N, C-alpha and C. Protein backbone atom coordinates (compact mmCIF):
# COMPACT_ATOMS: atom_id res chain seq x y z
N UNK A 1 12.36 6.83 10.22
CA UNK A 1 11.57 6.45 9.08
C UNK A 1 10.90 7.69 8.47
N UNK A 2 10.40 8.56 9.33
CA UNK A 2 9.75 9.78 8.84
C UNK A 2 10.73 10.61 8.01
N UNK A 3 11.94 10.80 8.54
CA UNK A 3 12.94 11.61 7.83
C UNK A 3 13.29 11.00 6.48
N UNK A 4 13.39 9.68 6.42
CA UNK A 4 13.73 9.02 5.16
C UNK A 4 12.58 9.15 4.16
N UNK A 5 11.36 8.99 4.63
CA UNK A 5 10.20 9.13 3.74
C UNK A 5 10.12 10.55 3.18
N UNK A 6 10.35 11.55 4.02
CA UNK A 6 10.31 12.93 3.54
C UNK A 6 11.45 13.20 2.56
N UNK A 7 12.61 12.61 2.80
CA UNK A 7 13.73 12.74 1.87
C UNK A 7 13.37 12.13 0.51
N UNK A 8 12.69 10.99 0.54
CA UNK A 8 12.26 10.33 -0.70
C UNK A 8 11.28 11.22 -1.47
N UNK A 9 10.32 11.80 -0.78
CA UNK A 9 9.34 12.66 -1.43
C UNK A 9 9.99 13.92 -2.01
N UNK A 10 11.00 14.45 -1.33
CA UNK A 10 11.71 15.62 -1.84
C UNK A 10 12.54 15.27 -3.08
N UNK A 11 13.15 14.08 -3.07
CA UNK A 11 14.00 13.65 -4.18
C UNK A 11 13.20 13.28 -5.42
N UNK A 12 12.07 12.61 -5.23
CA UNK A 12 11.32 12.07 -6.37
C UNK A 12 9.82 12.37 -6.23
N UNK A 13 9.43 13.63 -6.32
CA UNK A 13 8.04 13.99 -6.06
C UNK A 13 7.03 13.35 -7.01
N UNK A 14 7.46 12.98 -8.22
CA UNK A 14 6.53 12.36 -9.17
C UNK A 14 6.46 10.84 -9.04
N UNK A 15 7.16 10.27 -8.06
CA UNK A 15 7.21 8.82 -7.93
C UNK A 15 6.24 8.26 -6.90
N UNK A 16 5.52 9.13 -6.22
CA UNK A 16 4.68 8.66 -5.12
C UNK A 16 3.26 9.19 -5.24
N UNK A 17 2.34 8.46 -4.61
CA UNK A 17 0.94 8.85 -4.58
C UNK A 17 0.70 9.76 -3.37
N UNK A 18 1.63 10.66 -3.14
CA UNK A 18 1.53 11.60 -2.04
C UNK A 18 2.43 12.79 -2.36
N UNK A 19 2.43 13.75 -1.46
CA UNK A 19 3.27 14.92 -1.66
C UNK A 19 4.06 15.20 -0.39
N UNK A 20 5.17 15.88 -0.54
CA UNK A 20 6.00 16.26 0.59
C UNK A 20 5.20 17.12 1.58
N UNK A 21 4.46 18.07 1.07
CA UNK A 21 3.68 18.95 1.93
C UNK A 21 2.65 18.17 2.74
N UNK A 22 1.96 17.23 2.09
CA UNK A 22 0.94 16.44 2.77
C UNK A 22 1.56 15.62 3.90
N UNK A 23 2.66 14.92 3.61
CA UNK A 23 3.24 14.03 4.61
C UNK A 23 4.04 14.78 5.68
N UNK A 24 4.57 15.93 5.34
CA UNK A 24 5.27 16.74 6.34
C UNK A 24 4.30 17.14 7.45
N UNK A 25 3.03 17.28 7.14
CA UNK A 25 2.03 17.68 8.12
C UNK A 25 1.48 16.51 8.94
N UNK A 26 1.86 15.27 8.63
CA UNK A 26 1.36 14.12 9.38
C UNK A 26 1.77 14.21 10.85
N UNK A 27 0.88 13.76 11.70
CA UNK A 27 1.15 13.72 13.14
C UNK A 27 1.90 12.43 13.48
N UNK A 28 2.41 12.36 14.69
CA UNK A 28 3.07 11.14 15.15
C UNK A 28 2.11 9.96 15.10
N UNK A 29 0.86 10.18 15.44
CA UNK A 29 -0.15 9.11 15.39
C UNK A 29 -0.35 8.62 13.95
N UNK A 30 -0.35 9.54 13.00
CA UNK A 30 -0.51 9.14 11.59
C UNK A 30 0.70 8.34 11.10
N UNK A 31 1.91 8.72 11.51
CA UNK A 31 3.10 7.96 11.13
C UNK A 31 3.06 6.58 11.77
N UNK A 32 2.62 6.49 13.01
CA UNK A 32 2.52 5.20 13.69
C UNK A 32 1.51 4.30 12.99
N UNK A 33 0.40 4.86 12.59
CA UNK A 33 -0.63 4.09 11.88
C UNK A 33 -0.08 3.60 10.53
N UNK A 34 0.71 4.44 9.86
CA UNK A 34 1.27 4.09 8.55
C UNK A 34 2.15 2.86 8.66
N UNK A 35 2.98 2.78 9.71
CA UNK A 35 3.90 1.65 9.81
C UNK A 35 3.28 0.44 10.51
N UNK A 36 2.11 0.58 11.11
CA UNK A 36 1.50 -0.54 11.83
C UNK A 36 0.59 -1.39 10.96
N UNK A 37 0.37 -1.00 9.73
CA UNK A 37 -0.60 -1.67 8.87
C UNK A 37 -0.01 -2.80 8.05
N UNK A 38 1.27 -3.06 8.14
CA UNK A 38 1.92 -4.11 7.34
C UNK A 38 3.34 -4.26 7.81
N UNK A 39 4.29 -4.03 6.90
CA UNK A 39 5.71 -4.10 7.24
C UNK A 39 6.44 -3.01 6.48
N UNK A 40 7.43 -2.43 7.13
CA UNK A 40 8.28 -1.42 6.51
C UNK A 40 9.72 -1.89 6.62
N UNK A 41 10.45 -1.81 5.51
CA UNK A 41 11.84 -2.24 5.47
C UNK A 41 12.72 -1.05 5.14
N UNK A 42 13.82 -0.92 5.88
CA UNK A 42 14.79 0.13 5.64
C UNK A 42 16.09 -0.51 5.17
N UNK A 43 16.74 0.12 4.23
CA UNK A 43 18.06 -0.32 3.77
C UNK A 43 19.08 0.47 4.57
N UNK A 44 19.85 -0.22 5.38
CA UNK A 44 20.86 0.42 6.22
C UNK A 44 22.22 0.33 5.54
N UNK A 45 22.88 1.45 5.46
CA UNK A 45 24.25 1.56 4.95
C UNK A 45 25.03 2.38 5.96
N UNK A 46 26.33 2.47 5.77
CA UNK A 46 27.09 3.33 6.67
C UNK A 46 26.53 4.75 6.57
N UNK A 47 26.35 5.37 7.69
CA UNK A 47 25.78 6.70 7.69
C UNK A 47 24.28 6.71 7.89
N UNK A 48 23.67 5.55 8.01
CA UNK A 48 22.24 5.50 8.29
C UNK A 48 21.42 4.89 7.17
N UNK A 49 20.09 4.98 7.30
CA UNK A 49 19.20 4.39 6.31
C UNK A 49 19.29 5.12 4.97
N UNK A 50 19.30 4.34 3.89
CA UNK A 50 19.46 4.88 2.54
C UNK A 50 18.34 4.44 1.59
N UNK A 51 17.41 3.63 2.09
CA UNK A 51 16.31 3.17 1.25
C UNK A 51 15.14 2.72 2.10
N UNK A 52 13.96 2.70 1.50
CA UNK A 52 12.74 2.35 2.22
C UNK A 52 11.75 1.69 1.27
N UNK A 53 10.98 0.78 1.79
CA UNK A 53 9.83 0.20 1.09
C UNK A 53 8.87 -0.31 2.15
N UNK A 54 7.59 -0.30 1.84
CA UNK A 54 6.58 -0.82 2.76
C UNK A 54 5.64 -1.74 2.00
N UNK A 55 4.96 -2.58 2.74
CA UNK A 55 3.96 -3.49 2.17
C UNK A 55 2.77 -3.50 3.11
N UNK A 56 1.58 -3.38 2.53
CA UNK A 56 0.34 -3.30 3.31
C UNK A 56 -0.70 -4.19 2.65
N UNK A 57 -1.81 -4.48 3.36
CA UNK A 57 -2.90 -5.22 2.72
C UNK A 57 -3.40 -4.45 1.50
N UNK A 58 -3.85 -5.18 0.50
CA UNK A 58 -4.37 -4.56 -0.72
C UNK A 58 -5.89 -4.51 -0.62
N UNK A 59 -6.44 -3.31 -0.48
CA UNK A 59 -7.89 -3.14 -0.30
C UNK A 59 -8.66 -3.86 -1.41
N UNK A 60 -9.64 -4.63 -0.99
CA UNK A 60 -10.53 -5.30 -1.94
C UNK A 60 -9.99 -6.62 -2.48
N UNK A 61 -8.76 -6.97 -2.11
CA UNK A 61 -8.18 -8.23 -2.59
C UNK A 61 -7.41 -8.88 -1.43
N UNK A 62 -8.11 -9.62 -0.57
CA UNK A 62 -7.48 -10.16 0.64
C UNK A 62 -6.25 -11.04 0.39
N UNK A 63 -6.14 -11.67 -0.76
CA UNK A 63 -5.01 -12.57 -1.02
C UNK A 63 -3.77 -11.83 -1.52
N UNK A 64 -3.87 -10.52 -1.71
CA UNK A 64 -2.73 -9.75 -2.24
C UNK A 64 -2.24 -8.75 -1.21
N UNK A 65 -1.00 -8.34 -1.38
CA UNK A 65 -0.41 -7.26 -0.59
C UNK A 65 0.03 -6.17 -1.57
N UNK A 66 0.12 -4.94 -1.08
CA UNK A 66 0.46 -3.79 -1.91
C UNK A 66 1.83 -3.26 -1.51
N UNK A 67 2.76 -3.23 -2.45
CA UNK A 67 4.08 -2.64 -2.25
C UNK A 67 3.94 -1.14 -2.43
N UNK A 68 4.40 -0.37 -1.43
CA UNK A 68 4.29 1.09 -1.49
C UNK A 68 5.60 1.74 -1.04
N UNK A 69 5.75 2.99 -1.38
CA UNK A 69 6.80 3.86 -0.84
C UNK A 69 8.22 3.41 -1.15
N UNK A 70 8.43 2.77 -2.29
CA UNK A 70 9.76 2.27 -2.67
C UNK A 70 10.67 3.44 -3.04
N UNK A 71 11.86 3.49 -2.41
CA UNK A 71 12.83 4.53 -2.73
C UNK A 71 14.20 4.13 -2.23
N UNK A 72 15.23 4.40 -3.03
CA UNK A 72 16.62 4.30 -2.57
C UNK A 72 17.33 5.58 -2.98
N UNK A 73 18.34 5.95 -2.21
CA UNK A 73 19.10 7.15 -2.52
C UNK A 73 19.69 7.05 -3.92
N UNK A 74 19.76 8.16 -4.63
CA UNK A 74 20.25 8.14 -6.02
C UNK A 74 21.60 7.43 -6.19
N UNK A 75 22.52 7.58 -5.27
CA UNK A 75 23.83 6.96 -5.39
C UNK A 75 23.81 5.45 -5.29
N UNK A 76 22.72 4.88 -4.81
CA UNK A 76 22.60 3.42 -4.68
C UNK A 76 21.78 2.79 -5.79
N UNK A 77 21.22 3.61 -6.65
CA UNK A 77 20.41 3.06 -7.74
C UNK A 77 21.31 2.29 -8.70
N UNK A 78 20.83 1.11 -9.11
CA UNK A 78 21.60 0.27 -10.01
C UNK A 78 22.61 -0.62 -9.30
N UNK A 79 22.60 -0.63 -7.97
CA UNK A 79 23.58 -1.43 -7.22
C UNK A 79 23.00 -2.71 -6.65
N UNK A 80 21.71 -2.95 -6.81
CA UNK A 80 21.05 -4.10 -6.20
C UNK A 80 20.33 -3.75 -4.91
N UNK A 81 20.46 -2.50 -4.45
CA UNK A 81 19.81 -2.08 -3.21
C UNK A 81 18.29 -2.18 -3.32
N UNK A 82 17.74 -1.70 -4.42
CA UNK A 82 16.29 -1.75 -4.60
C UNK A 82 15.80 -3.18 -4.70
N UNK A 83 16.55 -4.03 -5.40
CA UNK A 83 16.17 -5.44 -5.52
C UNK A 83 16.16 -6.12 -4.15
N UNK A 84 17.09 -5.75 -3.27
CA UNK A 84 17.11 -6.32 -1.93
C UNK A 84 15.88 -5.90 -1.14
N UNK A 85 15.47 -4.64 -1.28
CA UNK A 85 14.26 -4.18 -0.60
C UNK A 85 13.03 -4.92 -1.12
N UNK A 86 12.91 -5.07 -2.44
CA UNK A 86 11.76 -5.79 -3.01
C UNK A 86 11.77 -7.24 -2.56
N UNK A 87 12.93 -7.86 -2.51
CA UNK A 87 13.03 -9.25 -2.05
C UNK A 87 12.50 -9.38 -0.62
N UNK A 88 12.77 -8.38 0.22
CA UNK A 88 12.25 -8.39 1.59
C UNK A 88 10.73 -8.35 1.60
N UNK A 89 10.15 -7.52 0.73
CA UNK A 89 8.70 -7.41 0.63
C UNK A 89 8.10 -8.74 0.16
N UNK A 90 8.67 -9.33 -0.88
CA UNK A 90 8.13 -10.58 -1.42
C UNK A 90 8.22 -11.70 -0.39
N UNK A 91 9.33 -11.78 0.33
CA UNK A 91 9.48 -12.81 1.36
C UNK A 91 8.48 -12.61 2.48
N UNK A 92 8.32 -11.35 2.92
CA UNK A 92 7.36 -11.07 3.98
C UNK A 92 5.94 -11.41 3.54
N UNK A 93 5.57 -11.01 2.32
CA UNK A 93 4.22 -11.25 1.82
C UNK A 93 3.95 -12.75 1.70
N UNK A 94 4.92 -13.53 1.23
CA UNK A 94 4.75 -14.98 1.13
C UNK A 94 4.55 -15.58 2.52
N UNK A 95 5.36 -15.14 3.47
CA UNK A 95 5.23 -15.61 4.85
C UNK A 95 3.88 -15.22 5.45
N UNK A 96 3.34 -14.09 5.01
CA UNK A 96 2.05 -13.60 5.49
C UNK A 96 0.89 -14.31 4.79
N UNK A 97 1.18 -15.21 3.86
CA UNK A 97 0.14 -15.97 3.19
C UNK A 97 -0.43 -15.34 1.93
N UNK A 98 0.22 -14.32 1.42
CA UNK A 98 -0.28 -13.64 0.22
C UNK A 98 -0.07 -14.51 -1.01
N UNK A 99 -0.99 -14.39 -1.96
CA UNK A 99 -0.87 -15.08 -3.25
C UNK A 99 -0.07 -14.24 -4.24
N UNK A 100 0.01 -12.92 -4.00
CA UNK A 100 0.73 -12.05 -4.91
C UNK A 100 0.94 -10.68 -4.29
N UNK A 101 1.85 -9.94 -4.90
CA UNK A 101 2.13 -8.56 -4.48
C UNK A 101 1.84 -7.65 -5.67
N UNK A 102 1.13 -6.58 -5.40
CA UNK A 102 0.73 -5.60 -6.41
C UNK A 102 1.43 -4.29 -6.09
N UNK A 103 1.70 -3.51 -7.13
CA UNK A 103 2.23 -2.16 -6.94
C UNK A 103 1.66 -1.26 -8.01
N UNK A 104 1.74 0.03 -7.76
CA UNK A 104 1.34 1.04 -8.73
C UNK A 104 2.56 1.91 -9.01
N UNK A 105 2.83 2.13 -10.28
CA UNK A 105 4.01 2.89 -10.68
C UNK A 105 3.60 3.87 -11.76
N UNK A 106 4.25 5.02 -11.78
CA UNK A 106 3.94 6.03 -12.78
C UNK A 106 4.05 5.49 -14.20
N UNK A 107 3.05 5.75 -14.99
CA UNK A 107 3.02 5.27 -16.37
C UNK A 107 4.25 5.71 -17.15
N UNK A 108 4.76 6.89 -16.87
CA UNK A 108 5.90 7.44 -17.61
C UNK A 108 7.24 7.21 -16.89
N UNK A 109 7.21 6.46 -15.79
CA UNK A 109 8.43 6.17 -15.06
C UNK A 109 9.01 4.86 -15.63
N UNK A 110 9.59 4.96 -16.81
CA UNK A 110 10.05 3.77 -17.54
C UNK A 110 11.16 3.04 -16.81
N UNK A 111 12.05 3.76 -16.17
CA UNK A 111 13.15 3.10 -15.45
C UNK A 111 12.59 2.22 -14.33
N UNK A 112 11.64 2.74 -13.56
CA UNK A 112 11.06 1.96 -12.47
C UNK A 112 10.28 0.77 -13.02
N UNK A 113 9.54 0.98 -14.07
CA UNK A 113 8.77 -0.14 -14.66
C UNK A 113 9.69 -1.25 -15.13
N UNK A 114 10.81 -0.90 -15.77
CA UNK A 114 11.78 -1.93 -16.21
C UNK A 114 12.38 -2.65 -15.00
N UNK A 115 12.68 -1.90 -13.96
CA UNK A 115 13.22 -2.52 -12.75
C UNK A 115 12.23 -3.54 -12.19
N UNK A 116 10.97 -3.14 -12.03
CA UNK A 116 9.97 -4.05 -11.47
C UNK A 116 9.79 -5.29 -12.34
N UNK A 117 9.88 -5.13 -13.64
CA UNK A 117 9.82 -6.31 -14.53
C UNK A 117 10.99 -7.24 -14.26
N UNK A 118 12.18 -6.69 -14.06
CA UNK A 118 13.36 -7.53 -13.79
C UNK A 118 13.22 -8.34 -12.50
N UNK A 119 12.49 -7.81 -11.52
CA UNK A 119 12.35 -8.53 -10.26
C UNK A 119 11.05 -9.33 -10.18
N UNK A 120 10.37 -9.51 -11.31
CA UNK A 120 9.24 -10.45 -11.37
C UNK A 120 7.85 -9.88 -11.49
N UNK A 121 7.70 -8.57 -11.58
CA UNK A 121 6.38 -7.97 -11.71
C UNK A 121 5.99 -7.86 -13.18
N UNK A 122 4.70 -7.97 -13.46
CA UNK A 122 4.17 -7.81 -14.81
C UNK A 122 2.97 -6.87 -14.75
N UNK A 123 2.80 -6.07 -15.81
CA UNK A 123 1.65 -5.17 -15.87
C UNK A 123 0.36 -5.97 -15.96
N UNK A 124 -0.67 -5.47 -15.27
CA UNK A 124 -1.96 -6.17 -15.25
C UNK A 124 -2.94 -5.63 -16.28
N UNK A 125 -2.64 -4.48 -16.85
CA UNK A 125 -3.57 -3.84 -17.77
C UNK A 125 -4.48 -2.83 -17.09
N UNK A 126 -4.40 -2.75 -15.76
CA UNK A 126 -5.20 -1.78 -15.02
C UNK A 126 -4.37 -0.51 -14.80
N UNK A 127 -5.05 0.62 -14.83
CA UNK A 127 -4.39 1.89 -14.58
C UNK A 127 -5.37 2.90 -14.04
N UNK A 128 -4.86 4.01 -13.57
CA UNK A 128 -5.70 5.06 -13.01
C UNK A 128 -4.86 6.32 -12.86
N UNK A 129 -5.51 7.42 -12.58
CA UNK A 129 -4.82 8.67 -12.25
C UNK A 129 -4.95 8.88 -10.75
N UNK A 130 -3.84 9.17 -10.10
CA UNK A 130 -3.84 9.40 -8.66
C UNK A 130 -4.74 10.58 -8.32
N UNK A 131 -5.62 10.39 -7.34
CA UNK A 131 -6.50 11.48 -6.92
C UNK A 131 -5.71 12.61 -6.28
N UNK A 132 -4.64 12.27 -5.55
CA UNK A 132 -3.86 13.28 -4.82
C UNK A 132 -2.89 14.02 -5.72
N UNK A 133 -2.24 13.32 -6.66
CA UNK A 133 -1.17 13.94 -7.45
C UNK A 133 -1.52 14.11 -8.93
N UNK A 134 -2.51 13.36 -9.41
CA UNK A 134 -2.87 13.40 -10.82
C UNK A 134 -1.97 12.56 -11.71
N UNK A 135 -0.95 11.92 -11.14
CA UNK A 135 -0.02 11.10 -11.92
C UNK A 135 -0.74 9.87 -12.44
N UNK A 136 -0.53 9.57 -13.74
CA UNK A 136 -1.09 8.35 -14.32
C UNK A 136 -0.28 7.16 -13.82
N UNK A 137 -0.96 6.17 -13.27
CA UNK A 137 -0.31 5.00 -12.69
C UNK A 137 -0.72 3.74 -13.46
N UNK A 138 0.17 2.76 -13.50
CA UNK A 138 -0.15 1.44 -14.01
C UNK A 138 0.02 0.46 -12.86
N UNK A 139 -0.76 -0.60 -12.90
CA UNK A 139 -0.67 -1.64 -11.88
C UNK A 139 0.23 -2.76 -12.38
N UNK A 140 1.07 -3.28 -11.48
CA UNK A 140 1.92 -4.40 -11.79
C UNK A 140 1.75 -5.43 -10.66
N UNK A 141 1.95 -6.72 -11.00
CA UNK A 141 1.75 -7.80 -10.03
C UNK A 141 2.88 -8.81 -10.14
N UNK A 142 3.28 -9.30 -8.97
CA UNK A 142 4.25 -10.40 -8.89
C UNK A 142 3.54 -11.55 -8.17
N UNK A 143 3.30 -12.65 -8.87
CA UNK A 143 2.64 -13.78 -8.22
C UNK A 143 3.56 -14.46 -7.21
N UNK A 144 2.97 -14.99 -6.16
CA UNK A 144 3.69 -15.76 -5.16
C UNK A 144 3.06 -17.15 -5.07
N UNK A 145 3.82 -18.15 -4.89
CA UNK A 145 3.28 -19.50 -4.74
C UNK A 145 2.52 -19.93 -5.97
N UNK A 146 1.26 -20.33 -5.78
CA UNK A 146 0.47 -20.91 -6.86
C UNK A 146 -0.34 -19.92 -7.67
N UNK A 147 -0.23 -18.61 -7.41
CA UNK A 147 -1.02 -17.65 -8.17
C UNK A 147 -0.56 -17.61 -9.63
N UNK A 148 -1.51 -17.47 -10.52
CA UNK A 148 -1.19 -17.39 -11.96
C UNK A 148 -1.75 -16.13 -12.54
């Protein structure tokens, strides 16, 4: 999982609220804590894992979960691989009792924003600049169950 996450950060440094240098320095305990806080899904293809996504509790909103660390290898983009990873997150969050799933995506990452809209997310009107990277982010939400 660590190797895949570092590969994602190297491939798409502007897509995450972190940096390759920061996460390369994480200890084994920090990586264990990262994966123990929710659920992490890997997309397995021949040759090993080719995609990753995680879901964690959303601070300040107990009924929501936060989708983080979404990435698939460039050769798998547009094949349904990313949609399969998001479907895993939504199913897990619903099973965990969440009313909705929230994510943050770069304001200028139009391809990712269109993808998230296709799989059920809508912009909430909230945004911020990442403290770690300075990237302008927008918030998107996918309701689950009875959330409106």
